[in-house]
C-alpha cells in the first residue's frame, strides 16, 4: 500500500458526527455523447473507467420524456478560478444529456445559504446545493436537503469514504455527497521565510516555535513598503471563521461541543486558544477581524507569512497571484498546549432536494458525472487541491503528486469533525464574536468566555 493510500485510508477510521416538477420517466439505455476533451482545469463528458461505470450503471438511467432543468445553487460560479470549471461542467453535461439543462442560481458565498432558504420561501426550491458541511443542518431542518440514503443505492454510497459520508450526518443519517475534503492546514510563504533568514523547508510545528520566529517575519516589508504579518487566523463574522477557530481549539487539545452537540468549553485548550489570539493581536501579528478571503489576498501579495486555511484556499491565492505555486507550501497545523496538532475536517458537499422523480434522477446523474476521474482530477490538480471522496480516485496524480498537499499530508491523521447541530452556523459566528471580544475589544478572557457560554448556550438550547 502506497504512503498516500495509507494516508487516505485513515479517513476510514475517523468518527465524524457533523450536519429531489415531476415529469414522466422510464428507464432506458445510456445515451452517451462525447464532448470536450480534458484540458487544464476543464471538464469532459467522456467518462470511462471503473468508477465511471459504477456511476452510470448502479441504478440505471432514465429517459426524460420532457426536458428537465436542474436548479443548481452554486456560489463558486461567481469566483475566479472556479467559474471556468463550472462553465465546462455545464457544457459537457448538457452535451452528454441533451434533455437536461443546468440553471446556476447563485449568490456570494456568505449569502448563499440564506438565499437558498429565501428562494424556497418564495416557492422556488433548488434541486442541488454546493456548500459546506455546516450548511447541512439548516437545509435539512428546512426540508431543503433529504437523506442521500433515500436517493442513491447502497452500492454507490459504499464507494465514498465512510468517514466523509458520515461527516454529513444529522442524527446518524447522511444528508450530503462530499465532492472532496480537507482538514484545516497551515500555508506558509517560502520566499518570506528565506528573506527573514529562516529555513523555507522547516516550518514551525508548535505555537511556541511560531511565536519565536514571528518577530523576524514582522520585521520584513514588501517591495512597496507594506508591512508583513507573521501569522493569520480568521476571526471575521462568518461561519467558516468559526470552523477555523474550532480547528485551532483542537490544535490546543481543547473542545467546543461534545458528541451530542452540547457546549463543551470548560477545558484548558479552549482558553489557551483565545489567549493565543490575544497575544497575536497585542503584538500586531494577525490582521484584525479578517475573513479567509482577506488572508488569501494578503498571502498572495506577500504580506502574510503563515495562515490557516483548507487546501482549496489555494485557489483564492492563485487567482490573485498566478505565481503562488512558486512560494506556497503547506504544513500540519500547529500544536499548542496539550494538543497533538488536531484540526477540523471540512468538505465541499452536494445536498439534494426532492422535487420529483425526474428532477431527482437528473440531479443524481450530474453528481455522478462530476465525481469521476475525467472531471474531478483536473479540478483537484489545477483549481482546488483536496482529497476526493470516492475511494477509486485516491491514487490519481492530482493527489499523489500535489505540491500544495504534500507538506500537510500528516494532518489527515489527526483531523476530526464536530457535532452537526442545526445551530452550528450561529454557533460558529458566536465563536468569532468571542475572538473579537478578546482582541479588538480587549476584554478579559475569563469574562469574555463566560459571556460566550451564556450566548452560545442560548443558541444551542443548553
Protein backbone atom coordinates (compact mmCIF):
# COMPACT_ATOMS: atom_id res chain seq x y z
CA UNK A 1 0.00 0.00 0.00
CA UNK A 2 1.43 3.39 -1.00
CA UNK A 3 2.02 6.16 1.52
CA UNK A 4 -0.85 8.17 0.01
CA UNK A 5 -3.24 5.26 0.14
CA UNK A 6 -2.33 4.71 3.77
CA UNK A 7 -2.98 8.37 4.49
CA UNK A 8 -6.36 8.34 2.77
CA UNK A 9 -7.26 5.04 4.35
CA UNK A 10 -7.05 6.75 7.71
CA UNK A 11 -10.13 8.67 6.71
CA UNK A 12 -11.98 5.41 7.13
CA UNK A 13 -11.46 5.40 10.88
CA UNK A 14 -12.41 8.99 11.65
CA UNK A 15 -15.53 9.27 13.75
CA UNK A 16 -17.25 12.35 12.41
CA UNK A 17 -20.70 13.32 13.62
CA UNK A 18 -21.22 16.61 11.96
CA UNK A 19 -24.90 18.12 9.85
CA UNK A 20 -35.02 15.51 -5.23
CA UNK A 21 -41.87 19.17 -11.04
CA UNK A 22 -42.43 15.80 -11.67
CA UNK A 23 -42.23 14.65 -15.31
CA UNK A 24 -42.92 11.10 -16.53
CA UNK A 25 -39.84 8.93 -16.88
CA UNK A 26 -38.95 5.43 -17.95
CA UNK A 27 -35.66 3.54 -17.84
CA UNK A 28 -33.53 3.44 -20.96
CA UNK A 29 -30.00 2.73 -22.09
CA UNK A 30 -27.37 5.37 -21.66
CA UNK A 31 -27.41 7.99 -24.43
CA UNK A 32 -23.77 8.93 -24.10
CA UNK A 33 -22.31 11.74 -26.18
CA UNK A 34 -18.65 12.70 -26.25
CA UNK A 35 -17.94 16.37 -25.55
CA UNK A 36 -14.93 18.49 -24.81
CA UNK A 37 -11.53 16.97 -24.33
CA UNK A 38 -9.94 17.20 -20.94
CA UNK A 39 -7.86 20.33 -20.75
CA UNK A 40 -6.19 22.10 -17.93
CA UNK A 41 -8.87 22.77 -15.38
CA UNK A 42 -11.63 21.82 -17.84
CA UNK A 43 -14.42 19.24 -17.65
CA UNK A 44 -15.04 16.39 -20.07
CA UNK A 45 -18.03 14.12 -20.59
CA UNK A 46 -16.24 11.04 -21.90
CA UNK A 47 -16.49 9.17 -18.63
CA UNK A 48 -14.87 5.75 -18.75
CA UNK A 49 -13.25 3.53 -16.18
CA UNK A 50 -14.22 1.59 -13.10
CA UNK A 51 -15.57 4.45 -11.02
CA UNK A 52 -17.35 5.94 -14.03
CA UNK A 53 -19.02 2.66 -14.95
CA UNK A 54 -20.28 2.27 -11.42
CA UNK A 55 -21.69 5.78 -11.53
CA UNK A 56 -23.61 5.19 -14.77
CA UNK A 57 -24.84 1.67 -14.06
CA UNK A 58 -25.60 1.48 -10.36
CA UNK A 59 -29.33 2.18 -10.56
CA UNK A 60 -29.99 2.63 -14.27
CA UNK A 61 -30.58 5.74 -16.31
CA UNK A 62 -33.84 7.31 -17.31
CA UNK A 63 -35.42 8.60 -20.49
CA UNK A 64 -36.73 12.03 -19.72
CA UNK A 65 -39.98 12.38 -21.67
CA UNK A 66 -39.84 16.14 -21.21
CA UNK A 67 -36.86 18.48 -20.86
CA UNK A 68 -35.59 18.83 -17.30
CA UNK A 69 -33.77 21.80 -15.81
CA UNK A 70 -31.63 21.28 -12.72
CA UNK A 71 -31.70 24.34 -10.49
CA UNK A 72 -28.21 24.29 -9.02
CA UNK A 73 -27.35 26.71 -6.19
CA UNK A 74 -23.62 27.27 -6.65
CA UNK A 75 -21.72 30.26 -5.26
CA UNK A 76 -18.48 29.14 -6.94
CA UNK A 77 -19.63 30.21 -10.42
CA UNK A 78 -19.02 33.79 -9.24
CA UNK A 79 -15.46 33.14 -8.08
CA UNK A 80 -12.34 33.49 -10.21
CA UNK A 81 -10.62 30.18 -10.69
CA UNK A 82 -13.78 28.15 -10.11
CA UNK A 83 -16.01 29.80 -12.72
CA UNK A 84 -14.37 28.25 -15.80
CA UNK A 85 -14.60 24.75 -14.34
CA UNK A 86 -18.33 25.06 -13.64
CA UNK A 87 -18.94 26.55 -17.11
CA UNK A 88 -17.27 23.47 -18.58
CA UNK A 89 -19.27 21.14 -16.34
CA UNK A 90 -22.49 22.71 -17.65
CA UNK A 91 -21.34 22.47 -21.27
CA UNK A 92 -20.08 18.91 -21.02
CA UNK A 93 -23.04 17.58 -19.05
CA UNK A 94 -25.65 19.19 -21.31
CA UNK A 95 -23.93 17.75 -24.39
CA UNK A 96 -23.88 14.31 -22.79
CA UNK A 97 -27.53 14.57 -21.67
CA UNK A 98 -29.31 16.80 -24.25
CA UNK A 99 -32.67 16.63 -22.43
CA UNK A 100 -31.20 18.02 -19.21
CA UNK A 101 -30.16 21.62 -18.65
CA UNK A 102 -28.35 23.21 -15.71
CA UNK A 103 -29.50 26.56 -14.38
CA UNK A 104 -26.99 28.05 -11.98
CA UNK A 105 -28.62 30.06 -9.23
CA UNK A 106 -26.03 31.99 -7.33
CA UNK A 107 -25.07 34.50 -4.69
CA UNK A 108 -21.86 35.36 -2.91
CA UNK A 109 -20.50 32.64 -0.65
CA UNK A 110 -21.52 34.33 2.59
CA UNK A 111 -25.11 34.82 1.37
CA UNK A 112 -25.67 31.51 -0.43
CA UNK A 113 -27.23 29.54 2.41
CA UNK A 114 -29.65 32.32 3.33
CA UNK A 115 -30.50 32.82 -0.35
CA UNK A 116 -31.41 29.15 -0.82
CA UNK A 117 -33.82 29.36 2.12
CA UNK A 118 -35.21 32.67 0.82
CA UNK A 119 -35.83 31.21 -2.65
CA UNK A 120 -37.69 28.29 -1.07
CA UNK A 121 -39.81 30.70 0.95
CA UNK A 122 -40.79 32.34 -2.34
CA UNK A 123 -41.79 28.99 -3.82
CA UNK A 124 -38.60 28.18 -5.74
CA UNK A 125 -36.83 25.16 -4.28
CA UNK A 126 -33.48 24.36 -5.84
CA UNK A 127 -32.59 20.78 -6.77
CA UNK A 128 -28.95 20.88 -5.74
CA UNK A 129 -26.75 22.95 -3.46
CA UNK A 130 -22.96 23.04 -3.43
CA UNK A 131 -21.92 24.07 0.04
CA UNK A 132 -20.04 23.14 3.15
CA UNK A 133 -20.80 20.73 5.96
CA UNK A 134 -22.08 23.37 8.43
CA UNK A 135 -24.87 24.23 5.96
CA UNK A 136 -26.39 20.76 6.18
CA UNK A 137 -28.34 21.06 9.46
CA UNK A 138 -30.02 24.27 8.30
CA UNK A 139 -31.04 22.81 4.95
CA UNK A 140 -32.15 19.53 6.49
CA UNK A 141 -34.16 21.30 9.17
CA UNK A 142 -35.86 23.42 6.47
CA UNK A 143 -36.66 20.32 4.39
CA UNK A 144 -34.33 21.54 1.62
CA UNK A 145 -31.94 18.60 1.90
CA UNK A 146 -33.01 14.97 2.10
CA UNK A 147 -31.08 11.86 3.19
CA UNK A 148 -28.85 10.59 0.41
CA UNK A 149 -29.66 7.04 1.50
CA UNK A 150 -33.18 7.71 0.11
CA UNK A 151 -31.74 8.68 -3.26
CA UNK A 152 -28.63 6.64 -4.03
CA UNK A 153 -28.08 2.90 -3.91
CA UNK A 154 -26.06 1.30 -1.17
CA UNK A 155 -23.54 0.17 -3.80
CA UNK A 156 -22.85 3.72 -4.95
CA UNK A 157 -22.61 5.14 -1.44
CA UNK A 158 -20.17 2.37 -0.49
CA UNK A 159 -17.65 3.90 -2.92
CA UNK A 160 -17.43 7.03 -0.77
CA UNK A 161 -15.04 7.04 2.16
CA UNK A 162 -17.30 6.23 5.13
CA UNK A 163 -15.92 8.98 7.31
CA UNK A 164 -16.55 11.62 4.63
CA UNK A 165 -20.12 10.39 4.22
CA UNK A 166 -20.60 10.30 7.99
CA UNK A 167 -19.41 13.91 8.14
CA UNK A 168 -22.76 14.87 6.57
CA UNK A 169 -24.81 13.02 9.20
CA UNK A 170 -27.75 14.54 11.02
CA UNK A 171 -28.90 12.19 13.78
CA UNK A 172 -26.88 9.40 12.21
CA UNK A 173 -28.30 9.84 8.68
CA UNK A 174 -26.15 11.27 5.83
CA UNK A 175 -27.59 14.29 4.01
CA UNK A 176 -24.80 15.03 1.55
CA UNK A 177 -22.42 13.62 -1.07
CA UNK A 178 -18.96 15.11 -0.45
CA UNK A 179 -17.15 16.27 -3.57
CA UNK A 180 -13.78 16.44 -1.82
CA UNK A 181 -12.49 17.19 1.67
CA UNK A 182 -9.67 18.86 3.55
CA UNK A 183 -8.62 19.47 7.13
CA UNK A 184 -7.54 22.97 8.06
CA UNK A 185 -3.79 23.18 7.43
CA UNK A 186 -1.13 25.86 7.67
CA UNK A 187 0.09 27.56 4.49
CA UNK A 188 3.39 29.46 4.62
CA UNK A 189 5.38 31.63 2.23
CA UNK A 190 8.78 30.11 1.49
CA UNK A 191 10.10 33.34 -0.04
CA UNK A 192 9.30 35.33 3.11
CA UNK A 193 10.94 32.64 5.24
CA UNK A 194 14.11 32.97 3.16
CA UNK A 195 14.06 36.78 3.38
CA UNK A 196 13.73 36.51 7.15
CA UNK A 197 16.72 34.17 7.41
CA UNK A 198 14.55 31.13 8.16
CA UNK A 199 14.75 27.68 6.63
CA UNK A 200 11.98 27.56 3.98
CA UNK A 201 11.86 23.80 4.28
CA UNK A 202 11.39 23.73 8.04
CA UNK A 203 8.15 25.40 9.12
CA UNK A 204 7.29 25.63 12.82
CA UNK A 205 5.39 22.71 14.30
CA UNK A 206 4.30 24.24 17.61
CA UNK A 207 2.73 27.52 18.67
CA UNK A 208 5.83 28.36 20.69
CA UNK A 209 8.11 27.80 17.68
CA UNK A 210 5.88 30.02 15.56
CA UNK A 211 5.98 32.82 18.12
CA UNK A 212 9.78 32.56 18.26
CA UNK A 213 10.21 33.18 14.52
CA UNK A 214 7.34 35.67 14.20
CA UNK A 215 9.46 38.76 15.02
CA UNK A 216 11.75 38.03 12.09
CA UNK A 217 8.79 37.93 9.71
CA UNK A 218 7.24 41.02 11.32
CA UNK A 219 10.43 42.95 10.61
CA UNK A 220 10.02 42.48 6.85
CA UNK A 221 8.48 44.94 4.41
CA UNK A 222 7.19 44.31 0.90
CA UNK A 223 8.90 45.96 -2.07
CA UNK A 224 6.37 48.82 -1.92
CA UNK A 225 6.79 49.26 1.82
CA UNK A 226 3.75 47.40 3.15
CA UNK A 227 4.04 45.53 6.45
CA UNK A 228 4.25 41.74 6.68
CA UNK A 229 2.03 39.94 9.16
CA UNK A 230 3.65 36.81 10.59
CA UNK A 231 0.53 34.73 11.20
CA UNK A 232 -3.09 34.96 10.04
CA UNK A 233 -6.10 33.44 11.81
CA UNK A 234 -9.53 34.40 10.53
CA UNK A 235 -11.87 35.98 13.09
CA UNK A 236 -14.33 37.67 10.70
CA UNK A 237 -18.04 37.29 11.45
CA UNK A 238 -18.82 34.41 9.09
CA UNK A 239 -19.45 30.74 9.82
CA UNK A 240 -16.28 29.41 8.18
CA UNK A 241 -14.21 31.60 10.50
CA UNK A 242 -15.82 29.83 13.44
CA UNK A 243 -14.92 26.50 11.90
CA UNK A 244 -11.32 27.63 11.57
CA UNK A 245 -11.32 28.74 15.21
CA UNK A 246 -12.66 25.31 16.20
CA UNK A 247 -9.75 23.77 14.34
CA UNK A 248 -7.37 25.97 16.33
CA UNK A 249 -9.02 24.86 19.57
CA UNK A 250 -8.47 21.23 18.51
CA UNK A 251 -4.80 22.03 17.97
CA UNK A 252 -4.57 23.09 21.60
CA UNK A 253 -6.17 19.84 22.71
CA UNK A 254 -9.47 21.53 23.51
CA UNK A 255 -13.10 21.06 22.57
CA UNK A 256 -16.12 23.23 21.79
CA UNK A 257 -19.04 20.76 21.58
CA UNK A 258 -19.45 17.24 22.91
CA UNK A 259 -20.68 14.32 20.79
CA UNK A 260 -24.31 15.24 21.50
CA UNK A 261 -23.86 18.86 20.44
CA UNK A 262 -23.77 20.35 23.92
CA UNK A 263 -21.44 23.20 24.83
CA UNK A 264 -18.09 21.85 25.99
CA UNK A 265 -15.64 24.70 26.55
CA UNK A 266 -14.57 24.27 30.17
CA UNK A 267 -11.14 22.99 29.20
CA UNK A 268 -7.63 24.40 29.10
CA UNK A 269 -7.32 24.09 25.32
CA UNK A 270 -10.30 26.36 24.72
CA UNK A 271 -8.99 29.12 26.96
CA UNK A 272 -5.41 28.77 25.67
CA UNK A 273 -6.70 29.27 22.12
CA UNK A 274 -8.15 32.68 22.89
CA UNK A 275 -5.14 33.67 24.96
CA UNK A 276 -3.06 32.86 21.88
CA UNK A 277 -5.29 35.05 19.71
CA UNK A 278 -4.94 37.88 22.22
CA UNK A 279 -1.15 37.52 22.22
CA UNK A 280 -1.10 37.64 18.42
CA UNK A 281 -3.23 40.77 18.43
CA UNK A 282 -1.22 42.51 21.16
CA UNK A 283 1.92 42.07 19.06
CA UNK A 284 0.21 43.10 15.80
CA UNK A 285 0.98 39.75 14.22
CA UNK A 286 -2.56 38.95 12.99
CA UNK A 287 -4.76 41.22 10.82
CA UNK A 288 -7.80 42.11 12.91
CA UNK A 289 -11.28 40.76 12.07
CA UNK A 290 -10.09 39.21 8.83
CA UNK A 291 -12.06 36.77 6.70
CA UNK A 292 -10.33 33.97 4.83
CA UNK A 293 -10.61 35.94 1.58
CA UNK A 294 -8.70 38.78 3.25
CA UNK A 295 -5.94 36.45 4.42
CA UNK A 296 -5.70 34.82 0.99
CA UNK A 297 -5.29 38.26 -0.56
CA UNK A 298 -2.54 39.26 1.87
CA UNK A 299 -0.80 35.92 1.40
CA UNK A 300 -0.93 36.22 -2.40
CA UNK A 301 0.58 39.71 -2.21
CA UNK A 302 3.45 38.64 0.03
CA UNK A 303 2.14 40.37 3.16
CA UNK A 304 1.44 37.28 5.24
CA UNK A 305 3.95 34.71 6.39
CA UNK A 306 1.64 31.92 7.59
CA UNK A 307 -2.09 31.33 7.92
CA UNK A 308 -4.70 28.60 8.46
CA UNK A 309 -6.95 27.52 5.57
CA UNK A 310 -8.43 24.47 3.87
CA UNK A 311 -6.44 23.04 0.96
CA UNK A 312 -8.81 24.60 -1.61
CA UNK A 313 -7.97 28.01 -0.22
CA UNK A 314 -5.04 27.79 -2.61
CA UNK A 315 -7.44 28.68 -5.45
CA UNK A 316 -8.15 32.05 -3.86
CA UNK A 317 -4.45 32.74 -3.52
CA UNK A 318 -3.60 31.53 -7.03
CA UNK A 319 -6.40 33.55 -8.64
CA UNK A 320 -4.79 36.71 -7.23
CA UNK A 321 -1.19 35.70 -7.85
CA UNK A 322 -0.60 33.05 -10.58
CA UNK A 323 2.94 32.65 -9.27
CA UNK A 324 1.69 31.32 -5.94
CA UNK A 325 2.89 27.78 -6.69
CA UNK A 326 6.43 29.12 -6.60
CA UNK A 327 6.30 30.23 -2.97
CA UNK A 328 3.41 28.46 -1.24
CA UNK A 329 3.96 25.45 0.96
CA UNK A 330 1.72 23.59 3.38
CA UNK A 331 2.36 22.20 6.82
CA UNK A 332 0.41 20.43 9.51
CA UNK A 333 -1.49 22.73 11.90
CA UNK A 334 0.45 23.89 14.93
CA UNK A 335 0.49 22.04 18.21
CA UNK A 336 -0.33 24.07 21.30
CA UNK A 337 -0.80 23.32 24.97
CA UNK A 338 -1.53 19.63 25.48
CA UNK A 339 -2.76 19.23 21.90
CA UNK A 340 -1.41 16.97 19.20
CA UNK A 341 -1.98 19.26 16.23
CA UNK A 342 -5.53 18.07 15.57
CA UNK A 343 -7.70 20.00 13.13
CA UNK A 344 -11.26 20.15 11.84
CA UNK A 345 -12.07 18.38 8.59
CA UNK A 346 -14.22 20.24 6.04
CA UNK A 347 -15.81 19.17 2.74
CA UNK A 348 -17.37 20.83 -0.29
CA UNK A 349 -20.60 18.87 -0.44
CA UNK A 350 -23.61 18.27 -2.69
CA UNK A 351 -27.01 18.50 -0.95
CA UNK A 352 -30.21 17.50 -2.81
CA UNK A 353 -33.89 18.36 -2.51
CA UNK A 354 -36.70 16.05 -3.65
CA UNK A 355 -38.60 17.96 -6.34
CA UNK A 356 -39.97 14.87 -8.10
CA UNK A 357 -38.59 11.78 -9.82
CA UNK A 358 -37.28 13.43 -12.98
CA UNK A 359 -35.53 16.17 -11.00
CA UNK A 360 -34.03 13.62 -8.66
CA UNK A 361 -32.74 11.37 -11.43
CA UNK A 362 -31.28 14.27 -13.41
CA UNK A 363 -29.53 15.65 -10.34
CA UNK A 364 -28.09 12.26 -9.46
CA UNK A 365 -26.66 11.99 -12.98
CA UNK A 366 -24.98 15.36 -12.53
CA UNK A 367 -23.37 14.39 -9.24
CA UNK A 368 -22.12 11.09 -10.68
CA UNK A 369 -20.82 12.95 -13.74
CA UNK A 370 -18.72 15.26 -11.59
CA UNK A 371 -17.37 12.55 -9.28
CA UNK A 372 -15.32 10.82 -11.97
CA UNK A 373 -11.62 10.98 -12.64
CA UNK A 374 -12.07 12.74 -16.00
CA UNK A 375 -13.95 15.60 -14.37
CA UNK A 376 -12.59 15.79 -10.85
CA UNK A 377 -8.89 15.12 -11.39
CA UNK A 378 -8.25 18.29 -13.48
CA UNK A 379 -10.18 20.26 -10.88
CA UNK A 380 -8.10 18.95 -7.97
CA UNK A 381 -4.89 19.45 -9.91
CA UNK A 382 -5.49 22.90 -11.41
CA UNK A 383 -8.24 24.59 -9.42
CA UNK A 384 -8.61 23.47 -5.82
CA UNK A 385 -6.42 20.83 -4.19
CA UNK A 386 -8.28 18.41 -1.92
CA UNK A 387 -8.90 14.79 -1.05
CA UNK A 388 -11.57 13.14 -3.28
CA UNK A 389 -14.50 11.43 -1.57
CA UNK A 390 -14.56 8.47 -3.98
CA UNK A 391 -12.11 5.77 -2.93
CA UNK A 392 -11.46 4.83 -6.57
CA UNK A 393 -9.83 8.25 -7.08
CA UNK A 394 -7.38 8.05 -4.17
CA UNK A 395 -4.35 7.31 -6.35
CA UNK A 396 -4.78 9.92 -9.08
CA UNK A 397 -1.68 12.08 -9.69
CA UNK A 398 -3.62 15.21 -8.71
CA UNK A 399 -3.41 13.87 -5.16
CA UNK A 400 -0.23 11.84 -5.01
CA UNK A 401 1.88 14.49 -6.77
CA UNK A 402 0.30 17.69 -5.42
CA UNK A 403 2.89 20.25 -4.28
CA UNK A 404 0.20 22.05 -2.27
CA UNK A 405 -0.93 18.97 -0.31
CA UNK A 406 2.42 17.28 0.21
CA UNK A 407 3.59 19.18 3.27
CA UNK A 408 0.35 18.68 5.16
CA UNK A 409 -0.44 15.04 4.48
CA UNK A 410 0.12 14.14 8.11
CA UNK A 411 -2.71 16.47 9.14
CA UNK A 412 -5.16 13.92 7.76
CA UNK A 413 -4.06 11.58 10.55
CA UNK A 414 -5.47 13.75 13.30
CA UNK A 415 -8.35 15.58 11.60
CA UNK A 416 -11.77 15.13 13.17
CA UNK A 417 -15.29 16.51 12.97
CA UNK A 418 -17.80 18.30 15.12
CA UNK A 419 -21.37 17.56 16.15
CA UNK A 420 -23.62 18.61 13.28
CA UNK A 421 -26.32 20.58 15.08
CA UNK A 422 -28.93 22.87 13.49
CA UNK A 423 -27.48 25.96 15.15
CA UNK A 424 -23.88 25.28 14.06
CA UNK A 425 -23.66 28.35 11.81
CA UNK A 426 -24.90 30.71 14.52
CA UNK A 427 -22.61 28.99 16.99
CA UNK A 428 -19.62 29.49 14.68
CA UNK A 429 -20.37 33.21 14.39
CA UNK A 430 -20.58 33.39 18.18
CA UNK A 431 -17.06 31.94 18.31
CA UNK A 432 -15.86 34.79 16.10
CA UNK A 433 -17.55 37.27 18.45
CA UNK A 434 -15.56 35.78 21.32
CA UNK A 435 -12.34 36.15 19.33
CA UNK A 436 -13.15 39.77 18.57
CA UNK A 437 -14.02 40.45 22.21
CA UNK A 438 -10.55 39.43 23.43
CA UNK A 439 -8.70 41.13 20.56
CA UNK A 440 -10.49 44.21 19.20
CA UNK A 441 -12.38 44.94 22.44
CA UNK A 442 -9.52 43.84 24.69
CA UNK A 443 -11.96 42.14 27.07
CA UNK A 444 -10.68 40.00 29.92
CA UNK A 445 -10.52 36.40 28.66
CA UNK A 446 -12.38 34.79 31.56
CA UNK A 447 -15.12 37.40 31.35
CA UNK A 448 -15.36 37.03 27.57
CA UNK A 449 -15.60 33.24 27.84
CA UNK A 450 -18.32 33.46 30.48
CA UNK A 451 -20.28 35.85 28.26
CA UNK A 452 -19.77 33.44 25.36
CA UNK A 453 -21.05 30.50 27.41
CA UNK A 454 -24.26 32.38 28.10
CA UNK A 455 -24.87 33.43 24.49
CA UNK A 456 -23.69 30.18 22.90
CA UNK A 457 -25.67 28.10 25.39
CA UNK A 458 -28.78 30.02 24.45
CA UNK A 459 -28.14 29.41 20.76
CA UNK A 460 -27.65 25.70 21.35
CA UNK A 461 -30.56 25.42 23.75
CA UNK A 462 -28.46 24.12 26.63
